Amino acid sequence: MADGTDIQMDNARNQTVSLGAPLPADSGRRPVKIFCHHCQQKLDVTSLEPFSRFACPMCGTELIVPTWFDNYLLEEPVGTGGMATVYRALDIALDREVAIKILKEEVLPASELSDLFLNEARTAATINHYAVVPIYTCGICDGKTYIVMQFMNGGSLEQKQKACENLTVPVNDAVKWIHDIAEGLENAGKHGVIHHDVKPANIMLDTDDNVKIGDFGLAQVVKAEAVGTQKPVTAWVSPNYVSPERISTGTETYPGDIYSLGATFYHLVTGITPFSNPNIEELIWMRTRHNPVAPNQLRPDLAPELSSLIMKMMNRAPDMRPSYREIITTLEVYMKRTMPNSSSMRRYASSVRKSVPPVSPGVLKNGAPAPVQAAPAGAAASEAEPPVQPGAFQRFLYHPLVIITVSIFLLVVILIVAFLLFSSGASHESAMSRPERIIGSEAAS
């Protein structure tokens, strides 16, 4: 057992085992007690160094010492960058696993930068979409600025790609991911939100390989800090994914995110970034003067329409790039042909069903003709809405049994009417002939 370990009472599983040397009564450290996930022994680890690893004294399982941060128990760091460290944490109030991004103090020394970060986080929190990492809250604790968001336990797309052979992911996976992220960015645009830093490292996965994009607006904070401290442009851009106009003119627009998404798509399917140069400064400026090699030249099995789409997304002229809706439509046509049962296609089919209005086509509720909407470009004729099906009463009328019954009934009616008419005619003829015969006999007499 480690030095300083004190087992209170005894080793029974329902008793607390204290680890480490006792802290002074005035230390002010909040008690940290955890359960060993293997043997369920309760352990007091208040005296141990946060995030240090230790062996459970009862079963030997390796554990990590958590620490308190506001009302969250930080369990372990899961990622760090130039701006912030991300921790897997437990929300004590709601008893759920979350991710907490805590910005480094040297990054946000000025209150205006902290305000900028919090404003960007609050704006991003208005986005509610399946492909966007939801933000739960944000604030400042002990002088540290932080945001709390959903914990994505599948890692980042960057990590996923590094685990693939030749750094290339299966094309169908890449198509699904880019499709979903395009939908998320399109939805963000409806809220007036631009991401500014679309790249594999900012796209997260869950255990089912569903993707969500996070860190909306964080690049703006990096840029403000870099400009304020007169750092070079390389300090606030992602060299492999930044758009040409952001480099040359500083323009921040939706097409800039589309370029970065195209560069991400390129990297996923080819295994290399669109441009390569050991000089970071030159690498950044290359995209303002050159186009990348077409991805299907590097990966011949890539469908021509996907290669063409990627090149359009990375067009150096922002106004020549496709819209998010055009990207989504192109990818859905591809997915419908190659993977109709994918989760993205099921969501698409569900959204189509929900979007069908509960009124007859071409007519509004007030009886006025509805405006005719043109079909989206590239949509196949087979994708047109199916004809309106007959209602239950109409189906009843055309049922074969009903038709036969009605036919027999009509035939019987016709026969009855014919019989009645024939009987009436015979009686009339008899009545007319009898007087003639009487008259004739009277004449004879």
Protein backbone atom coordinates (compact mmCIF):
# COMPACT_ATOMS: atom_id res chain seq x y z
CA MET A 1 0.00 0.00 0.00
CA ALA A 2 1.28 3.49 -0.85
CA ASP A 3 2.92 5.60 1.84
CA GLY A 4 0.51 7.86 3.69
CA THR A 5 -2.48 5.62 3.07
CA ASP A 6 -4.80 5.41 6.02
CA ILE A 7 -7.60 2.85 6.03
CA GLN A 8 -10.33 4.26 8.22
CA MET A 9 -12.12 1.67 10.41
CA ASP A 10 -11.44 -1.50 8.38
CA ASN A 11 -11.26 -2.91 4.87
CA ALA A 12 -14.96 -3.65 4.56
CA ARG A 13 -16.39 -2.58 1.20
CA ASN A 14 -18.91 -0.24 2.87
CA GLN A 15 -16.19 1.78 4.62
CA THR A 16 -14.12 4.64 3.19
CA VAL A 17 -10.43 4.15 2.52
CA SER A 18 -8.43 7.37 2.76
CA LEU A 19 -5.35 7.66 0.57
CA GLY A 20 -2.40 9.98 1.01
CA ALA A 21 -1.17 12.02 3.94
CA PRO A 22 -3.84 13.90 5.92
CA LEU A 23 -4.26 17.53 4.88
CA PRO A 24 -4.16 20.41 7.36
CA ALA A 25 -7.57 21.38 8.69
CA ASP A 26 -7.23 24.83 7.12
CA SER A 27 -6.15 23.59 3.67
CA GLY A 28 -9.49 24.65 2.19
CA ARG A 29 -9.45 21.72 -0.25
CA ARG A 30 -12.87 20.31 -0.99
CA PRO A 31 -13.13 16.59 -0.13
CA VAL A 32 -12.92 14.24 -3.12
CA LYS A 33 -14.40 10.77 -2.66
CA ILE A 34 -14.83 8.24 -5.44
CA PHE A 35 -15.76 4.61 -6.00
CA CYS A 36 -13.45 2.09 -7.61
CA HIS A 37 -15.33 1.11 -10.77
CA HIS A 38 -14.07 -2.46 -10.43
CA CYS A 39 -14.61 -3.43 -6.78
CA GLN A 40 -16.90 -0.54 -5.74
CA GLN A 41 -14.65 0.38 -2.81
CA LYS A 42 -15.20 3.94 -1.62
CA LEU A 43 -11.98 5.94 -1.62
CA ASP A 44 -11.10 9.36 -0.20
CA VAL A 45 -8.46 10.82 -2.54
CA THR A 46 -8.56 14.41 -1.32
CA SER A 47 -4.86 14.36 -0.40
CA LEU A 48 -3.64 13.03 -3.75
CA GLU A 49 -2.44 15.17 -6.66
CA PRO A 50 -5.26 15.89 -9.14
CA PHE A 51 -5.16 13.68 -12.25
CA SER A 52 -2.41 11.50 -10.84
CA ARG A 53 -2.80 7.77 -11.29
CA PHE A 54 -2.92 5.30 -8.43
CA ALA A 55 -3.85 1.68 -7.78
CA CYS A 56 -6.96 0.82 -5.80
CA PRO A 57 -5.67 -0.60 -2.47
CA MET A 58 -8.36 -3.27 -2.51
CA CYS A 59 -8.21 -4.70 -6.05
CA GLY A 60 -5.24 -3.02 -7.74
CA THR A 61 -7.26 -1.34 -10.52
CA GLU A 62 -5.56 1.80 -11.88
CA LEU A 63 -7.59 4.92 -11.17
CA ILE A 64 -7.24 8.67 -11.79
CA VAL A 65 -7.64 11.29 -9.10
CA PRO A 66 -10.43 13.76 -10.01
CA THR A 67 -10.68 17.32 -8.78
CA TRP A 68 -13.41 19.87 -8.22
CA PHE A 69 -14.14 22.78 -10.56
CA ASP A 70 -17.20 24.80 -9.64
CA ASN A 71 -20.01 22.21 -9.36
CA TYR A 72 -18.27 19.74 -11.64
CA LEU A 73 -15.88 16.92 -10.84
CA LEU A 74 -13.11 16.98 -13.44
CA GLU A 75 -12.27 13.31 -14.02
CA GLU A 76 -9.41 13.55 -16.50
CA PRO A 77 -8.05 15.75 -19.31
CA VAL A 78 -8.96 14.36 -22.73
CA GLY A 79 -7.39 16.96 -25.00
CA THR A 80 -5.31 20.10 -24.94
CA GLY A 81 -4.36 22.77 -27.46
CA GLY A 82 -2.83 26.19 -27.65
CA MET A 83 -5.95 27.81 -26.25
CA ALA A 84 -7.64 25.40 -23.89
CA THR A 85 -7.75 22.05 -22.17
CA VAL A 86 -10.80 19.80 -22.41
CA TYR A 87 -11.77 17.61 -19.48
CA ARG A 88 -14.19 14.76 -19.11
CA ALA A 89 -16.25 15.71 -16.08
CA LEU A 90 -19.27 14.80 -14.01
CA ASP A 91 -22.09 17.30 -13.62
CA ILE A 92 -22.99 16.68 -9.98
CA ALA A 93 -26.34 18.47 -10.09
CA LEU A 94 -27.67 16.52 -13.10
CA ASP A 95 -25.54 13.38 -12.66
CA ARG A 96 -24.40 13.30 -16.28
CA GLU A 97 -21.09 13.11 -18.06
CA VAL A 98 -20.03 16.36 -19.76
CA ALA A 99 -17.01 17.92 -21.42
CA ILE A 100 -15.58 21.13 -20.00
CA LYS A 101 -13.29 23.34 -22.03
CA ILE A 102 -11.23 25.59 -19.77
CA LEU A 103 -9.30 28.33 -21.51
CA LYS A 104 -5.72 28.86 -20.50
CA GLU A 105 -5.24 32.00 -18.48
CA GLU A 106 -2.44 33.26 -20.70
CA VAL A 107 -4.75 33.11 -23.73
CA LEU A 108 -7.44 35.36 -22.28
CA PRO A 109 -5.65 37.86 -20.07
CA ALA A 110 -7.94 40.70 -21.06
CA SER A 111 -11.54 40.96 -19.92
CA GLU A 112 -12.71 41.95 -23.40
CA LEU A 113 -11.38 38.67 -24.82
CA SER A 114 -13.16 36.75 -22.10
CA ASP A 115 -16.37 38.61 -22.92
CA LEU A 116 -15.87 37.84 -26.62
CA PHE A 117 -15.45 34.15 -25.85
CA LEU A 118 -18.55 34.02 -23.65
CA ASN A 119 -20.63 35.91 -26.23
CA GLU A 120 -19.54 33.50 -28.96
CA ALA A 121 -20.42 30.57 -26.69
CA ARG A 122 -23.87 32.00 -25.92
CA THR A 123 -24.55 32.54 -29.61
CA ALA A 124 -23.50 28.98 -30.43
CA ALA A 125 -25.76 27.71 -27.63
CA THR A 126 -28.80 28.89 -29.63
CA ILE A 127 -28.09 26.18 -32.23
CA ASN A 128 -30.14 23.03 -31.73
CA HIS A 129 -29.14 20.45 -34.35
CA TYR A 130 -28.18 16.79 -34.36
CA ALA A 131 -24.79 17.56 -35.97
CA VAL A 132 -23.77 20.37 -33.60
CA VAL A 133 -22.25 19.73 -30.16
CA PRO A 134 -24.75 21.29 -27.73
CA ILE A 135 -23.44 23.84 -25.24
CA TYR A 136 -24.98 23.54 -21.79
CA THR A 137 -23.54 26.58 -20.05
CA CYS A 138 -20.50 28.85 -19.80
CA GLY A 139 -18.98 31.16 -17.24
CA ILE A 140 -15.96 32.12 -15.14
CA CYS A 141 -14.82 30.23 -12.04
CA ASP A 142 -11.73 31.14 -10.01
CA GLY A 143 -10.69 33.48 -12.81
CA LYS A 144 -10.91 30.72 -15.44
CA THR A 145 -13.24 31.03 -18.42
CA TYR A 146 -15.00 27.82 -19.40
CA ILE A 147 -17.81 26.25 -21.38
CA VAL A 148 -19.69 23.05 -20.61
CA MET A 149 -20.88 20.87 -23.50
CA GLN A 150 -21.92 17.36 -24.40
CA PHE A 151 -19.15 14.80 -23.96
CA MET A 152 -18.42 12.98 -27.23
CA ASN A 153 -16.80 9.70 -26.24
CA GLY A 154 -15.69 8.71 -29.75
CA GLY A 155 -12.88 11.25 -30.01
CA SER A 156 -12.29 13.64 -32.90
CA LEU A 157 -12.37 12.98 -36.62
CA GLU A 158 -8.68 13.81 -36.65
CA GLN A 159 -8.01 10.96 -34.21
CA LYS A 160 -10.27 8.66 -36.20
CA GLN A 161 -8.39 9.38 -39.41
CA LYS A 162 -5.00 8.76 -37.83
CA ALA A 163 -6.17 5.26 -36.90
CA CYS A 164 -7.06 4.45 -40.54
CA GLU A 165 -4.71 2.72 -42.96
CA ASN A 166 -2.92 5.26 -45.19
CA LEU A 167 -4.89 7.93 -43.30
CA THR A 168 -7.82 7.42 -45.69
CA VAL A 169 -11.31 6.72 -44.37
CA PRO A 170 -13.93 4.68 -46.26
CA VAL A 171 -15.59 6.91 -48.85
CA ASN A 172 -19.11 6.16 -47.64
CA ASP A 173 -18.15 7.14 -44.08
CA ALA A 174 -16.63 10.40 -45.31
CA VAL A 175 -19.75 11.17 -47.36
CA LYS A 176 -22.06 10.62 -44.38
CA TRP A 177 -19.89 12.76 -42.10
CA ILE A 178 -19.53 15.65 -44.54
CA HIS A 179 -23.28 15.51 -45.30
CA ASP A 180 -24.19 15.73 -41.62
CA ILE A 181 -21.70 18.51 -40.85
CA ALA A 182 -22.96 20.47 -43.87
CA GLU A 183 -26.47 20.23 -42.44
CA GLY A 184 -25.19 21.41 -39.05
CA LEU A 185 -23.34 24.37 -40.58
CA GLU A 186 -26.37 25.25 -42.70
CA ASN A 187 -28.53 25.29 -39.56
CA ALA A 188 -25.94 27.43 -37.76
CA GLY A 189 -26.05 29.89 -40.65
CA LYS A 190 -29.77 30.32 -40.09
CA HIS A 191 -28.83 31.60 -36.62
CA GLY A 192 -26.22 33.94 -38.10
CA VAL A 193 -23.34 31.81 -36.81
CA ILE A 194 -20.14 31.23 -38.81
CA HIS A 195 -17.75 28.60 -37.51
CA HIS A 196 -14.45 30.11 -38.76
CA ASP A 197 -12.38 26.95 -38.15
CA VAL A 198 -13.88 23.84 -39.76
CA LYS A 199 -11.36 20.99 -39.58
CA PRO A 200 -11.20 17.33 -38.49
CA ALA A 201 -9.99 18.25 -34.99
CA ASN A 202 -13.22 20.19 -34.37
CA ILE A 203 -15.52 17.41 -35.58
CA MET A 204 -16.35 14.94 -32.81
CA LEU A 205 -17.78 11.42 -32.88
CA ASP A 206 -19.85 9.35 -30.49
CA THR A 207 -19.45 5.60 -30.01
CA ASP A 208 -21.75 4.96 -33.01
CA ASP A 209 -19.55 7.12 -35.29
CA ASN A 210 -22.16 9.88 -35.55
CA VAL A 211 -20.51 13.29 -35.96
CA LYS A 212 -21.07 16.68 -34.39
CA ILE A 213 -19.10 19.87 -34.93
CA GLY A 214 -18.03 22.03 -32.01
CA ASP A 215 -15.92 25.06 -31.09
CA PHE A 216 -18.11 27.57 -32.92
CA GLY A 217 -16.60 31.02 -32.81
CA LEU A 218 -13.52 29.97 -30.86
CA ALA A 219 -11.29 30.91 -33.79
CA GLN A 220 -12.52 34.49 -33.48
CA VAL A 221 -11.14 34.65 -29.96
CA VAL A 222 -7.82 33.26 -31.14
CA LYS A 223 -7.69 35.86 -33.92
CA ALA A 224 -8.56 38.73 -31.57
CA GLU A 225 -5.87 37.64 -29.14
CA ALA A 226 -3.29 37.23 -31.94
CA VAL A 227 -4.07 40.59 -33.52
CA GLY A 228 -3.99 42.29 -30.10
CA THR A 229 -0.56 40.90 -29.38
CA GLN A 230 0.68 41.44 -32.96
CA LYS A 231 1.21 37.74 -33.65
CA PRO A 232 1.58 36.59 -37.29
CA VAL A 233 -1.34 35.26 -39.30
CA THR A 234 -0.06 31.71 -38.75
CA ALA A 235 -1.03 32.06 -35.09
CA TRP A 236 -4.77 32.28 -35.72
CA VAL A 237 -5.53 30.06 -38.72
CA SER A 238 -5.47 26.34 -39.43
CA PRO A 239 -2.99 26.30 -42.37
CA ASN A 240 -4.35 23.16 -44.04
CA TYR A 241 -8.00 24.21 -44.08
CA VAL A 242 -8.24 28.03 -44.09
CA SER A 243 -9.94 29.70 -47.06
CA PRO A 244 -7.95 31.95 -49.45
CA GLU A 245 -10.10 35.03 -48.79
CA ARG A 246 -9.57 34.78 -45.05
CA ILE A 247 -5.85 35.00 -45.69
CA SER A 248 -5.83 37.69 -48.36
CA THR A 249 -8.62 40.00 -47.16
CA GLY A 250 -9.64 38.75 -43.72
CA THR A 251 -13.18 38.14 -45.01
CA GLU A 252 -15.34 36.05 -42.65
CA THR A 253 -18.24 34.50 -44.59
CA TYR A 254 -20.20 31.27 -44.94
CA PRO A 255 -18.32 30.35 -48.15
CA GLY A 256 -15.14 30.38 -46.06
CA ASP A 257 -16.55 27.56 -43.94
CA ILE A 258 -17.58 25.72 -47.14
CA TYR A 259 -13.97 25.90 -48.39
CA SER A 260 -12.71 24.49 -45.08
CA LEU A 261 -15.32 21.73 -45.20
CA GLY A 262 -14.17 20.88 -48.73
CA ALA A 263 -10.55 20.76 -47.56
CA THR A 264 -11.62 18.44 -44.74
CA PHE A 265 -13.46 16.21 -47.24
CA TYR A 266 -10.34 16.20 -49.45
CA HIS A 267 -8.12 15.16 -46.54
CA LEU A 268 -10.46 12.36 -45.42
CA VAL A 269 -10.69 10.62 -48.81
CA THR A 270 -7.11 11.13 -50.02
CA GLY A 271 -5.17 10.88 -46.77
CA ILE A 272 -3.26 14.08 -47.51
CA THR A 273 -4.08 17.77 -47.15
CA PRO A 274 -4.86 19.80 -50.30
CA PHE A 275 -1.52 21.63 -50.16
CA SER A 276 1.86 20.68 -48.75
CA ASN A 277 4.81 22.85 -47.90
CA PRO A 278 7.24 22.71 -44.96
CA ASN A 279 7.10 26.49 -44.71
CA ILE A 280 3.88 27.29 -42.87
CA GLU A 281 3.73 30.85 -44.18
CA GLU A 282 4.12 29.66 -47.78
CA LEU A 283 1.63 26.83 -47.18
CA ILE A 284 -1.01 29.34 -46.16
CA TRP A 285 -0.49 31.56 -49.21
CA MET A 286 -0.38 28.68 -51.72
CA ARG A 287 -4.18 28.40 -51.71
CA THR A 288 -4.55 32.00 -52.88
CA ARG A 289 -2.64 31.22 -56.09
CA HIS A 290 -3.15 27.53 -56.85
CA ASN A 291 -5.82 24.84 -57.03
CA PRO A 292 -5.18 21.45 -55.46
CA VAL A 293 -4.78 18.25 -57.46
CA ALA A 294 -8.21 16.70 -58.13
CA PRO A 295 -8.84 14.09 -55.40
CA ASN A 296 -9.82 11.32 -57.84
CA GLN A 297 -6.32 11.55 -59.34
CA LEU A 298 -5.01 10.54 -55.92
CA ARG A 299 -7.79 8.05 -55.24
CA PRO A 300 -9.05 6.60 -58.56
CA ASP A 301 -11.96 4.75 -56.94
CA LEU A 302 -13.51 8.04 -55.82
CA ALA A 303 -16.76 8.73 -57.70
CA PRO A 304 -16.37 11.56 -60.26
CA GLU A 305 -19.29 13.51 -58.78
CA LEU A 306 -17.64 13.50 -55.34
CA SER A 307 -14.29 14.64 -56.75
CA SER A 308 -16.07 17.38 -58.69
CA LEU A 309 -18.00 18.49 -55.59
CA ILE A 310 -14.82 18.76 -53.52
CA MET A 311 -13.13 20.89 -56.19
CA LYS A 312 -16.18 23.16 -56.37
CA MET A 313 -16.17 23.57 -52.59
CA MET A 314 -12.50 24.58 -52.76
CA ASN A 315 -12.92 27.07 -55.60
CA ARG A 316 -10.75 30.11 -54.92
CA ALA A 317 -13.67 32.40 -55.79
CA PRO A 318 -16.14 32.38 -52.85
CA ASP A 319 -19.17 33.13 -55.05
CA MET A 320 -18.40 30.11 -57.25
CA ARG A 321 -18.65 27.63 -54.40
CA PRO A 322 -21.85 25.61 -53.97
CA SER A 323 -24.29 26.41 -51.20
CA TYR A 324 -24.76 24.05 -48.26
CA ARG A 325 -28.07 22.94 -49.78
CA GLU A 326 -26.39 22.06 -53.09
CA ILE A 327 -23.72 20.09 -51.21
CA ILE A 328 -26.34 18.25 -49.16
CA THR A 329 -28.47 17.44 -52.23
CA THR A 330 -25.48 16.10 -54.19
CA LEU A 331 -24.42 13.87 -51.31
CA GLU A 332 -27.98 12.64 -50.74
CA VAL A 333 -28.28 11.60 -54.40
CA TYR A 334 -25.01 9.68 -54.00
CA MET A 335 -26.12 8.09 -50.70
CA LYS A 336 -29.51 7.13 -52.11
CA ARG A 337 -27.72 5.18 -54.82
CA THR A 338 -24.94 3.61 -52.75
CA MET A 339 -26.20 3.36 -49.15
CA PRO A 340 -29.98 3.88 -48.95
CA ASN A 341 -30.15 2.47 -45.41
CA SER A 342 -27.61 4.84 -43.85
CA SER A 343 -28.54 6.91 -40.81
CA SER A 344 -28.22 10.10 -42.85
CA MET A 345 -30.70 8.83 -45.44
CA ARG A 346 -33.14 7.75 -42.71
CA ARG A 347 -33.00 11.26 -41.25
CA TYR A 348 -33.50 12.70 -44.75
CA ALA A 349 -36.55 10.47 -45.38
CA SER A 350 -37.98 11.41 -42.00
CA SER A 351 -37.51 15.14 -42.66
CA VAL A 352 -39.23 14.78 -46.04
CA ARG A 353 -42.23 13.10 -44.43
CA LYS A 354 -42.46 15.80 -41.77
CA SER A 355 -42.23 18.57 -44.38
CA VAL A 356 -45.26 17.39 -46.40
CA PRO A 357 -48.12 19.88 -45.72
CA PRO A 358 -51.51 18.48 -44.54
CA VAL A 359 -53.38 20.04 -47.50
CA SER A 360 -53.90 18.98 -51.11
CA PRO A 361 -51.03 19.86 -53.46
CA GLY A 362 -51.44 23.17 -55.20
CA VAL A 363 -54.21 24.51 -52.94
CA LEU A 364 -53.96 26.57 -49.79
CA LYS A 365 -56.39 26.30 -46.91
CA ASN A 366 -58.21 29.42 -48.03
CA GLY A 367 -58.85 27.91 -51.46
CA ALA A 368 -56.37 30.13 -53.30
CA PRO A 369 -53.90 28.42 -55.62
CA ALA A 370 -50.53 27.79 -54.00
CA PRO A 371 -47.34 29.02 -55.67
CA VAL A 372 -45.63 26.37 -57.75
CA GLN A 373 -42.15 25.56 -56.45
CA ALA A 374 -39.45 24.48 -58.84
CA ALA A 375 -37.75 21.17 -58.21
CA PRO A 376 -34.20 21.47 -56.81
CA ALA A 377 -31.36 21.27 -59.30
CA GLY A 378 -30.10 17.76 -59.86
CA ALA A 379 -33.19 16.12 -58.41
CA ALA A 380 -34.18 12.98 -60.29
CA ALA A 381 -37.62 12.56 -61.77
CA SER A 382 -38.08 9.50 -59.62
CA GLU A 383 -37.77 11.68 -56.53
CA ALA A 384 -41.01 13.54 -57.29
CA GLU A 385 -43.75 13.30 -54.71
CA PRO A 386 -46.02 10.25 -55.19
CA PRO A 387 -49.59 10.86 -56.40
CA VAL A 388 -52.21 11.42 -53.75
CA GLN A 389 -53.68 8.06 -52.76
CA PRO A 390 -57.50 7.55 -52.63
CA GLY A 391 -59.21 7.85 -49.28
CA ALA A 392 -60.84 5.04 -47.32
CA PHE A 393 -64.32 5.67 -48.82
CA GLN A 394 -62.91 5.65 -52.35
CA ARG A 395 -61.07 2.41 -51.66
CA PHE A 396 -64.36 0.92 -50.35
CA LEU A 397 -66.25 1.89 -53.51
CA TYR A 398 -63.66 0.25 -55.76
CA HIS A 399 -63.44 -2.96 -53.77
CA PRO A 400 -64.18 -5.96 -56.08
CA LEU A 401 -66.78 -7.45 -53.73
CA VAL A 402 -68.66 -4.17 -53.60
CA ILE A 403 -68.59 -3.88 -57.39
CA ILE A 404 -69.96 -7.44 -57.82
CA THR A 405 -72.70 -6.89 -55.21
CA VAL A 406 -73.81 -3.64 -56.78
CA SER A 407 -73.78 -5.22 -60.25
CA ILE A 408 -75.99 -8.11 -59.11
CA PHE A 409 -78.34 -5.69 -57.39
CA LEU A 410 -78.64 -3.58 -60.52
CA LEU A 411 -79.24 -6.68 -62.64
CA VAL A 412 -82.03 -7.81 -60.31
CA VAL A 413 -83.61 -4.36 -60.44
CA ILE A 414 -83.47 -4.39 -64.23
CA LEU A 415 -85.11 -7.83 -64.38
CA ILE A 416 -87.87 -6.78 -61.96
CA VAL A 417 -88.55 -3.63 -63.93
CA ALA A 418 -88.62 -5.60 -67.18
CA PHE A 419 -91.01 -8.15 -65.72
CA LEU A 420 -93.33 -5.48 -64.44
CA LEU A 421 -93.32 -3.73 -67.79
CA PHE A 422 -94.02 -6.99 -69.63
CA SER A 423 -96.85 -7.92 -67.25
CA SER A 424 -98.40 -4.49 -67.60
CA GLY A 425 -98.22 -4.72 -71.39
CA ALA A 426 -99.86 -8.16 -71.48
CA SER A 427 -102.74 -7.05 -69.25
CA HIS A 428 -103.33 -4.01 -71.41
CA GLU A 429 -103.39 -6.14 -74.56
CA SER A 430 -105.88 -8.56 -72.96
CA ALA A 431 -108.16 -5.78 -71.88
CA MET A 432 -108.13 -4.27 -75.35
CA SER A 433 -108.83 -7.57 -77.16
CA ARG A 434 -111.79 -8.70 -75.09
CA PRO A 435 -114.10 -5.82 -76.17
CA GLU A 436 -113.20 -6.53 -79.77
CA ARG A 437 -114.28 -10.17 -79.47
CA ILE A 438 -117.52 -9.17 -77.70
CA ILE A 439 -118.25 -6.64 -80.35
CA GLY A 440 -117.55 -9.23 -82.96
CA SER A 441 -119.96 -11.80 -81.47
CA GLU A 442 -122.60 -9.21 -80.99
CA ALA A 443 -122.30 -8.34 -84.64
CA ALA A 444 -122.64 -11.95 -85.61
CA SER A 445 -125.77 -12.28 -83.60
